Each structure stands twice: as structure tokens, then as C-alpha cells.
Amino acid sequence: MNFTYSQTSNWENAFRGLRHPLESYARSDSSFGIAESDAWLDDVAVEVAQSYVDNWNDERVDPNIDIITTNLIEKGVLNYGKHSAEYAFIGAKDMDLAQRMIRAGSPNDKFLRQIFVSVDITAPLYWWKEMDTYKVGTTANSTSTMHKLATTPITLDCFEMDDAPDNDLEVSYDWYGDGSLSTQSIINEPLTFIRYLEGLRLKYLDTKDKRYWKELIRWLPESWLQTRTWTANYAVLRNIIKWRTNHKLTEWSQFIDWCKTLPYSKELLFHNL
């Protein structure tokens, strides 16, 4: 399973909308934009960090503006370009309001639906079937099995093997249909089947007989890896995190680990869960 081209967007609009109900725009202390240099990026982060210090109300802790500035840059830089960086530095007042809305639950946390996320996910078909449960606010555009399945060799690398066992697991079955059981390693048997699939692919390329292609589609295992560009929003991600944590499919753990890499994941995605 792999995650590439992760990107989030629409932060400024989402946090402006957060202020609409009470028209409390003047209290917003966040900053959004594009920095043309690292120096300017640091300057903006320091300015937002100063708002934390100015509004600090915990006398037990002395705020460190350098630490706050570093945290903002680590969490709030959305995209680095060749000569610039897009940033969303969320101020203390805005983050406090956002987290209060999250704790209040739906529909108060609806601003999360307006923080968009896009990522290319390479995952097995059996996981994609479960991911299709989360259809609200999501879109996926996948690589085509119909058009591209026969274009490259079918090998073990085409299938999900991240948590595959070693040769310590065996299975017994009636291989010859005569009632006698044959014991095989569960690692060796799939290799035989993969060679069968590759034989179907080569036969289709040689003959252009679509019956071979249909058989290839028919017997393609659920562990076949497919890449999809998947788009959703932070509300969808919170829902997935809530219901798929500790799921027996290890792919969900990998997905949740990817969620932890997103901007302000601890403060927004995992807050109060």
C-alpha cells in the first residue's frame, strides 16, 4: 500500500466560514497565502506565533515563541513549490473555535467538510471495496483494469504482500479430486496461480482473442494492486479514523498513519477521538 501526491486545500475559505455564524471575523488570528521566500515564511509564522503569546492564558506555562513558530511551519506549510510555499498558519483563537465546534459534533463541525484532501493511493482491490463505503464527499479516478491489465507482466509485485506470512503457514486440500489431501505452503501456491494469469495475458497478446482477456479479468485476485486518485475532506477522514481504528485489515492502520502526516492532523482529525 502506498500514498503519493498528498495535497490539502481550501483552508482559508473553511476557516472564514467558521466565523460566519457570529460574524466574528475580526477575532480571526490565522494567516493564509503563498510565501515567495523562506525568510517571508518565517516572518509570517512569527507574526502568527506572537498571537499565541499575546493571548496566552495559562500562567503555569511560559510560552516559547520559537517553539510555536517551528510548530506552525512544520504543520502549516501545505505545498512547497520550486521558489515558494503555500501556507495555512492557524492562530490560537481560530484553533480554539475549531476544536470547540468539533467537540460540539455535527453540524457544528461542518467547516471540516470544506478542507479538501487529494491523494494517490495504491491498494489491493479487497481494501478498495471497503473504502467504497465512504462515498459521501469523495471521488476516485482509478487506473484501468480493462485497458491496461494486459500491457505489463503479471508478477508477485502486482499484488498486496505487505503483511504476507513466511513459509510457516500451510494449507491442505484435494488437489487431484481423488479424496487425498495435498499440503502446500500458502506462499508457493499463489506463485503457481500468478504464472497461470501471466500465461493468460501472453496468450491474449498473441491471439487477440478476448476470451483469454475475459478469463484474466474473471480470475484476477482481490489482492491485485490498483492506484486511484482519491479526493475527500477532513470530515470524511475523521469518520474513517473513528470507525476503522484497530480494524483487522492492516491496510486501515496504514491509512490512519497517512492521515497523521496531514496538516494539523492532531489538532483537527484526531481531536477528541
Protein backbone atom coordinates (compact mmCIF):
# COMPACT_ATOMS: atom_id res chain seq x y z
CA MET A 1 0.00 0.00 0.00
CA ASN A 2 1.35 3.40 -0.96
CA PHE A 3 0.33 7.08 -0.67
CA THR A 4 1.68 9.71 -3.06
CA TYR A 5 0.84 13.24 -4.23
CA SER A 6 -0.93 14.13 -0.96
CA GLN A 7 -2.39 17.63 -1.01
CA THR A 8 -4.82 19.65 1.09
CA SER A 9 -6.57 22.87 0.10
CA ASN A 10 -9.29 25.48 0.80
CA TRP A 11 -8.11 26.21 4.34
CA GLU A 12 -8.74 29.95 4.20
CA ASN A 13 -12.31 29.54 2.98
CA ALA A 14 -13.06 26.86 5.57
CA PHE A 15 -11.83 28.98 8.47
CA ARG A 16 -13.57 32.11 7.19
CA GLY A 17 -16.79 30.10 7.10
CA LEU A 18 -16.12 29.05 10.67
CA ARG A 19 -16.55 32.72 11.65
CA HIS A 20 -19.77 33.31 9.70
CA PRO A 21 -22.35 32.36 12.37
CA LEU A 22 -21.35 35.20 14.75
CA GLU A 23 -19.64 37.32 12.08
CA SER A 24 -16.58 37.29 14.34
CA TYR A 25 -14.10 37.86 11.51
CA ALA A 26 -12.12 40.46 13.50
CA ARG A 27 -11.17 37.78 16.03
CA SER A 28 -9.51 35.58 13.41
CA ASP A 29 -5.76 35.30 14.03
CA SER A 30 -4.74 32.92 11.22
CA SER A 31 -2.75 33.67 8.09
CA PHE A 32 -3.04 32.09 4.64
CA GLY A 33 -1.14 32.71 1.44
CA ILE A 34 1.98 32.00 -0.59
CA ALA A 35 5.46 32.88 0.66
CA GLU A 36 7.97 33.68 -2.07
CA SER A 37 10.95 33.05 0.22
CA ASP A 38 11.86 31.16 3.39
CA ALA A 39 12.52 34.46 5.14
CA TRP A 40 9.00 35.69 4.47
CA LEU A 41 7.58 32.32 5.52
CA ASP A 42 9.41 32.66 8.84
CA ASP A 43 8.18 36.25 9.27
CA VAL A 44 4.54 35.23 8.80
CA ALA A 45 4.94 32.29 11.20
CA VAL A 46 6.48 34.56 13.85
CA GLU A 47 3.59 37.01 13.48
CA VAL A 48 1.00 34.28 13.99
CA ALA A 49 3.01 32.75 16.84
CA GLN A 50 3.02 36.13 18.55
CA SER A 51 -0.78 35.99 18.64
CA TYR A 52 -0.48 32.78 20.67
CA VAL A 53 1.79 34.55 23.14
CA ASP A 54 -0.37 37.69 23.33
CA ASN A 55 -3.47 35.63 24.14
CA TRP A 56 -1.82 33.07 26.38
CA ASN A 57 -3.96 32.40 29.47
CA ASP A 58 -2.12 29.53 31.12
CA GLU A 59 0.04 31.01 33.87
CA ARG A 60 1.54 27.59 34.61
CA VAL A 61 3.45 27.55 31.31
CA ASP A 62 5.64 30.26 29.82
CA PRO A 63 5.05 30.18 26.03
CA ASN A 64 8.12 29.87 23.83
CA ILE A 65 7.63 31.81 20.61
CA ASP A 66 10.45 29.93 18.85
CA ILE A 67 8.81 26.57 19.54
CA ILE A 68 5.42 27.86 18.43
CA THR A 69 6.92 29.28 15.22
CA THR A 70 8.64 25.98 14.43
CA ASN A 71 5.42 24.03 15.05
CA LEU A 72 3.48 26.34 12.71
CA ILE A 73 5.97 25.83 9.91
CA GLU A 74 6.07 22.05 10.46
CA LYS A 75 2.27 21.75 10.41
CA GLY A 76 1.09 24.68 8.33
CA VAL A 77 3.10 24.53 5.10
CA LEU A 78 0.68 22.94 2.64
CA ASN A 79 2.75 22.75 -0.54
CA TYR A 80 6.34 23.56 -1.37
CA GLY A 81 6.99 24.84 -4.87
CA LYS A 82 10.33 25.46 -6.52
CA HIS A 83 10.56 29.05 -5.30
CA SER A 84 7.57 29.43 -2.98
CA ALA A 85 5.42 27.74 -0.37
CA GLU A 86 1.67 27.76 0.24
CA TYR A 87 0.88 28.03 3.93
CA ALA A 88 -2.03 27.93 6.37
CA PHE A 89 -0.90 29.13 9.78
CA ILE A 90 -3.84 28.62 12.16
CA GLY A 91 -3.86 31.05 15.08
CA ALA A 92 -4.73 30.20 18.69
CA LYS A 93 -8.21 31.80 18.62
CA ASP A 94 -9.20 30.13 15.36
CA MET A 95 -7.91 26.74 16.51
CA ASP A 96 -9.77 27.06 19.81
CA LEU A 97 -13.01 27.84 17.96
CA ALA A 98 -12.42 24.98 15.51
CA GLN A 99 -11.88 22.47 18.28
CA ARG A 100 -14.95 23.66 20.20
CA MET A 101 -17.02 23.11 17.07
CA ILE A 102 -15.51 19.64 16.64
CA ARG A 103 -16.38 18.71 20.21
CA ALA A 104 -19.92 20.01 19.66
CA GLY A 105 -20.32 17.50 16.84
CA SER A 106 -22.39 17.67 13.66
CA PRO A 107 -23.47 20.05 12.20
CA ASN A 108 -21.22 22.43 14.16
CA ASP A 109 -18.07 20.84 12.74
CA LYS A 110 -19.19 21.23 9.12
CA PHE A 111 -16.22 23.51 8.34
CA LEU A 112 -14.21 20.26 8.16
CA ARG A 113 -16.14 19.34 5.01
CA GLN A 114 -14.55 22.34 3.30
CA ILE A 115 -10.94 21.33 3.97
CA PHE A 116 -10.23 19.25 0.90
CA VAL A 117 -7.68 16.45 0.53
CA SER A 118 -6.43 14.59 -2.52
CA VAL A 119 -4.02 11.65 -2.68
CA ASP A 120 -2.96 8.82 -4.99
CA ILE A 121 -3.48 5.52 -3.15
CA THR A 122 -2.13 2.20 -4.40
CA ALA A 123 -4.03 -0.53 -2.57
CA PRO A 124 -5.49 -4.01 -3.11
CA LEU A 125 -8.96 -4.45 -4.52
CA TYR A 126 -10.24 -6.03 -1.30
CA TRP A 127 -9.40 -2.79 0.55
CA TRP A 128 -10.91 -0.57 -2.14
CA LYS A 129 -14.21 -2.44 -1.72
CA GLU A 130 -14.31 -1.39 1.93
CA MET A 131 -13.19 2.16 1.12
CA ASP A 132 -16.15 2.47 -1.25
CA THR A 133 -18.33 2.57 1.87
CA TYR A 134 -17.26 6.20 2.28
CA LYS A 135 -18.94 7.67 -0.76
CA VAL A 136 -20.24 10.96 0.69
CA GLY A 137 -17.94 13.81 -0.29
CA THR A 138 -15.44 11.57 -2.08
CA THR A 139 -14.34 10.99 -5.66
CA ALA A 140 -11.94 8.40 -7.08
CA ASN A 141 -10.35 8.09 -10.52
CA SER A 142 -8.57 4.76 -10.98
CA THR A 143 -6.11 3.09 -13.28
CA SER A 144 -8.00 0.97 -15.80
CA THR A 145 -8.03 -2.80 -15.49
CA MET A 146 -9.95 -3.01 -18.76
CA HIS A 147 -7.43 -1.01 -20.81
CA LYS A 148 -4.10 -1.64 -19.08
CA LEU A 149 -4.23 -5.07 -17.41
CA ALA A 150 -2.62 -6.86 -20.35
CA THR A 151 0.11 -4.30 -21.05
CA THR A 152 2.65 -5.29 -18.38
CA PRO A 153 3.85 -8.64 -16.97
CA ILE A 154 1.88 -10.05 -14.06
CA THR A 155 4.28 -10.77 -11.19
CA LEU A 156 4.14 -11.06 -7.42
CA ASP A 157 4.86 -7.31 -7.18
CA CYS A 158 1.42 -6.61 -8.69
CA PHE A 159 -0.26 -7.87 -5.51
CA GLU A 160 -0.52 -6.73 -1.90
CA MET A 161 2.18 -8.54 0.09
CA ASP A 162 2.95 -6.09 2.92
CA ASP A 163 1.87 -8.40 5.72
CA ALA A 164 2.11 -11.74 3.91
CA PRO A 165 3.30 -14.60 6.18
CA ASP A 166 6.50 -16.55 5.67
CA ASN A 167 6.50 -20.23 4.77
CA ASP A 168 5.25 -21.20 8.24
CA LEU A 169 1.60 -21.40 7.11
CA GLU A 170 0.35 -24.40 5.15
CA VAL A 171 -2.96 -25.49 3.66
CA SER A 172 -4.21 -28.98 2.82
CA TYR A 173 -6.69 -29.63 0.01
CA ASP A 174 -7.77 -32.24 -2.52
CA TRP A 175 -5.53 -31.22 -5.44
CA TYR A 176 -6.32 -34.23 -7.68
CA GLY A 177 -10.01 -34.62 -6.76
CA ASP A 178 -9.49 -38.19 -5.55
CA GLY A 179 -10.04 -37.56 -1.85
CA SER A 180 -6.34 -37.43 -0.96
CA LEU A 181 -5.06 -34.25 0.66
CA SER A 182 -2.01 -32.36 -0.55
CA THR A 183 -0.23 -29.98 1.82
CA GLN A 184 1.36 -26.85 0.39
CA SER A 185 2.85 -23.62 1.66
CA ILE A 186 0.40 -20.76 1.20
CA ILE A 187 3.23 -18.72 -0.30
CA ASN A 188 4.10 -21.22 -3.04
CA GLU A 189 0.59 -21.85 -4.32
CA PRO A 190 -0.18 -18.21 -5.29
CA LEU A 191 3.01 -18.18 -7.36
CA THR A 192 1.59 -21.01 -9.46
CA PHE A 193 -1.64 -19.10 -9.96
CA ILE A 194 0.21 -15.90 -10.86
CA ARG A 195 2.08 -17.82 -13.57
CA TYR A 196 -1.31 -19.01 -14.84
CA LEU A 197 -2.54 -15.41 -15.04
CA GLU A 198 0.61 -14.36 -16.87
CA GLY A 199 0.01 -17.23 -19.31
CA LEU A 200 -3.50 -15.89 -20.00
CA ARG A 201 -2.08 -12.42 -20.57
CA LEU A 202 0.54 -13.62 -23.02
CA LYS A 203 -1.99 -15.78 -24.86
CA TYR A 204 -4.31 -12.79 -25.24
CA LEU A 205 -1.49 -10.62 -26.59
CA ASP A 206 -0.52 -13.36 -29.04
CA THR A 207 -4.01 -14.20 -30.29
CA LYS A 208 -6.05 -11.05 -29.52
CA ASP A 209 -8.78 -13.50 -28.54
CA LYS A 210 -10.92 -11.63 -25.99
CA ARG A 211 -11.88 -14.86 -24.32
CA TYR A 212 -8.39 -15.01 -22.77
CA TRP A 213 -8.73 -11.42 -21.60
CA LYS A 214 -12.12 -12.23 -20.03
CA GLU A 215 -10.62 -15.18 -18.16
CA LEU A 216 -7.84 -12.93 -16.92
CA ILE A 217 -10.41 -10.47 -15.56
CA ARG A 218 -12.51 -13.32 -14.13
CA TRP A 219 -9.71 -14.82 -12.05
CA LEU A 220 -7.83 -11.68 -11.02
CA PRO A 221 -7.27 -12.00 -7.25
CA GLU A 222 -8.64 -9.49 -4.75
CA SER A 223 -5.07 -8.65 -3.72
CA TRP A 224 -4.40 -7.01 -7.11
CA LEU A 225 -2.97 -3.53 -6.54
CA GLN A 226 -4.84 -0.63 -8.12
CA THR A 227 -3.94 3.07 -7.99
CA ARG A 228 -6.71 5.62 -7.59
CA THR A 229 -6.59 9.38 -7.18
CA TRP A 230 -8.91 9.76 -4.19
CA THR A 231 -10.39 13.06 -3.02
CA ALA A 232 -12.31 13.69 0.18
CA ASN A 233 -12.35 16.17 3.06
CA TYR A 234 -11.36 16.33 6.71
CA ALA A 235 -14.85 15.37 7.89
CA VAL A 236 -14.67 12.12 5.90
CA LEU A 237 -11.20 11.41 7.28
CA ARG A 238 -12.38 11.87 10.88
CA ASN A 239 -15.21 9.45 10.23
CA ILE A 240 -12.82 6.86 8.79
CA ILE A 241 -10.39 7.28 11.69
CA LYS A 242 -13.21 6.84 14.19
CA TRP A 243 -14.61 3.65 12.70
CA ARG A 244 -11.53 1.95 11.25
CA THR A 245 -9.02 2.30 14.10
CA ASN A 246 -7.95 -1.20 15.27
CA HIS A 247 -9.63 -2.82 12.25
CA LYS A 248 -8.37 -6.32 11.47
CA LEU A 249 -7.34 -5.26 7.96
CA THR A 250 -3.84 -3.86 8.43
CA GLU A 251 -4.35 -1.56 5.44
CA TRP A 252 -6.60 0.62 7.60
CA SER A 253 -3.74 1.13 10.04
CA GLN A 254 -1.59 2.28 7.13
CA PHE A 255 -4.33 4.66 6.01
CA ILE A 256 -4.65 6.14 9.50
CA ASP A 257 -0.87 6.53 9.71
CA TRP A 258 -1.04 8.52 6.45
CA CYS A 259 -3.76 10.73 8.00
CA LYS A 260 -1.28 11.60 10.75
CA THR A 261 1.03 13.18 8.16
CA LEU A 262 -1.57 15.75 7.04
CA PRO A 263 -1.53 19.40 8.21
CA TYR A 264 -2.97 19.87 11.71
CA SER A 265 -3.95 16.22 11.88
CA LYS A 266 -3.55 16.03 15.66
CA GLU A 267 -5.48 19.25 16.23
CA LEU A 268 -8.35 18.56 13.80
CA LEU A 269 -8.51 14.95 12.56
CA PHE A 270 -7.70 13.23 15.85
CA HIS A 271 -9.03 15.83 18.28
CA ASN A 272 -11.50 14.39 20.80
CA LEU A 273 -11.50 10.92 19.25
